[in-house]
């Protein structure tokens, strides 16, 4: 399974890791020099969570980032899961 949040859509990002050596100018040196640049990955902190939705009277199991978990705490499970398309509104 891919490392993607089901609510926010966050996924693994890529960037660079810079290796530097030397003494900083402000400390009396000639400055930092880059000696190597390596590709790296920034992975999303994903959690499997079972979230109780009182409006539906059932729980939903989702794989979400910790950022999305804070969003659910703030805005409510039903609203967030409905906007993400993970649940459907109850039939009248």
Protein backbone atom coordinates (compact mmCIF):
# COMPACT_ATOMS: atom_id res chain seq x y z
CA UNK A 1 0.00 0.00 0.00
CA UNK A 2 1.30 3.44 -0.85
CA UNK A 3 2.20 5.94 1.86
CA UNK A 4 -0.64 8.43 1.25
CA UNK A 5 -3.02 10.04 3.75
CA UNK A 6 -6.64 9.24 2.89
CA UNK A 7 -7.86 12.64 4.09
CA UNK A 8 -5.23 15.25 3.17
CA UNK A 9 -3.58 13.39 0.29
CA UNK A 10 -0.13 13.99 1.78
CA UNK A 11 2.51 11.62 0.46
CA UNK A 12 6.26 11.07 0.50
CA UNK A 13 8.17 14.15 -0.68
CA UNK A 14 11.75 14.25 -1.94
CA UNK A 15 14.55 16.70 -1.33
CA UNK A 16 18.27 16.99 -0.80
CA UNK A 17 20.59 16.35 2.11
CA UNK A 18 23.61 18.70 2.08
CA UNK A 19 26.91 17.63 3.67
CA UNK A 20 29.01 20.65 4.65
CA UNK A 21 32.42 21.15 6.26
CA UNK A 22 34.52 24.08 7.33
CA UNK A 23 34.34 26.83 9.93
CA UNK A 24 31.67 29.51 9.62
CA UNK A 25 32.78 33.02 8.72
CA UNK A 26 31.27 34.46 11.88
CA UNK A 27 33.49 32.11 13.86
CA UNK A 28 36.65 33.20 12.04
CA UNK A 29 36.74 30.63 9.24
CA UNK A 30 36.53 30.95 5.47
CA UNK A 31 32.95 29.72 5.35
CA UNK A 32 31.06 26.45 4.99
CA UNK A 33 31.70 24.42 1.84
CA UNK A 34 29.26 21.89 0.39
CA UNK A 35 31.04 18.56 0.01
CA UNK A 36 28.11 16.41 -1.10
CA UNK A 37 24.45 16.50 -2.03
CA UNK A 38 22.38 13.34 -1.62
CA UNK A 39 18.72 12.76 -2.46
CA UNK A 40 16.49 11.94 0.50
CA UNK A 41 12.82 11.30 1.29
CA UNK A 42 10.50 13.08 3.71
CA UNK A 43 8.02 10.42 4.79
CA UNK A 44 4.53 11.15 6.08
CA UNK A 45 3.70 10.06 9.63
CA UNK A 46 0.75 7.77 8.88
CA UNK A 47 -1.35 5.93 11.46
CA UNK A 48 -4.10 3.33 11.14
CA UNK A 49 -6.99 4.73 13.19
CA UNK A 50 -10.50 3.50 13.91
CA UNK A 51 -12.66 6.61 14.23
CA UNK A 52 -16.13 6.55 15.75
CA UNK A 53 -18.69 8.58 13.78
CA UNK A 54 -21.67 9.31 16.07
CA UNK A 55 -23.88 10.58 13.21
CA UNK A 56 -23.65 7.18 11.48
CA UNK A 57 -23.45 5.17 14.72
CA UNK A 58 -20.48 3.20 13.39
CA UNK A 59 -16.71 3.34 13.25
CA UNK A 60 -14.51 3.86 10.17
CA UNK A 61 -10.97 2.52 9.83
CA UNK A 62 -8.68 4.92 7.94
CA UNK A 63 -4.97 5.45 7.31
CA UNK A 64 -4.33 9.10 8.08
CA UNK A 65 -1.48 11.45 8.86
CA UNK A 66 -1.11 12.93 12.32
CA UNK A 67 -1.93 16.32 10.79
CA UNK A 68 -5.29 14.93 9.60
CA UNK A 69 -5.89 13.48 13.05
CA UNK A 70 -5.62 17.00 14.50
CA UNK A 71 -8.05 18.23 11.82
CA UNK A 72 -10.57 15.55 12.85
CA UNK A 73 -10.22 16.59 16.49
CA UNK A 74 -10.84 20.23 15.55
CA UNK A 75 -13.62 19.95 12.94
CA UNK A 76 -15.30 16.65 13.83
CA UNK A 77 -15.05 13.18 12.31
CA UNK A 78 -18.26 13.25 10.28
CA UNK A 79 -17.51 16.53 8.48
CA UNK A 80 -13.88 15.70 7.66
CA UNK A 81 -14.57 12.13 6.47
CA UNK A 82 -17.52 13.33 4.38
CA UNK A 83 -15.40 16.01 2.64
CA UNK A 84 -12.66 13.42 1.96
CA UNK A 85 -15.22 11.09 0.36
CA UNK A 86 -14.56 8.24 2.79
CA UNK A 87 -18.15 8.05 4.00
CA UNK A 88 -21.55 8.80 2.47
CA UNK A 89 -24.31 10.82 4.16
CA UNK A 90 -27.10 8.75 5.72
CA UNK A 91 -30.26 8.28 3.68
CA UNK A 92 -33.29 10.13 5.00
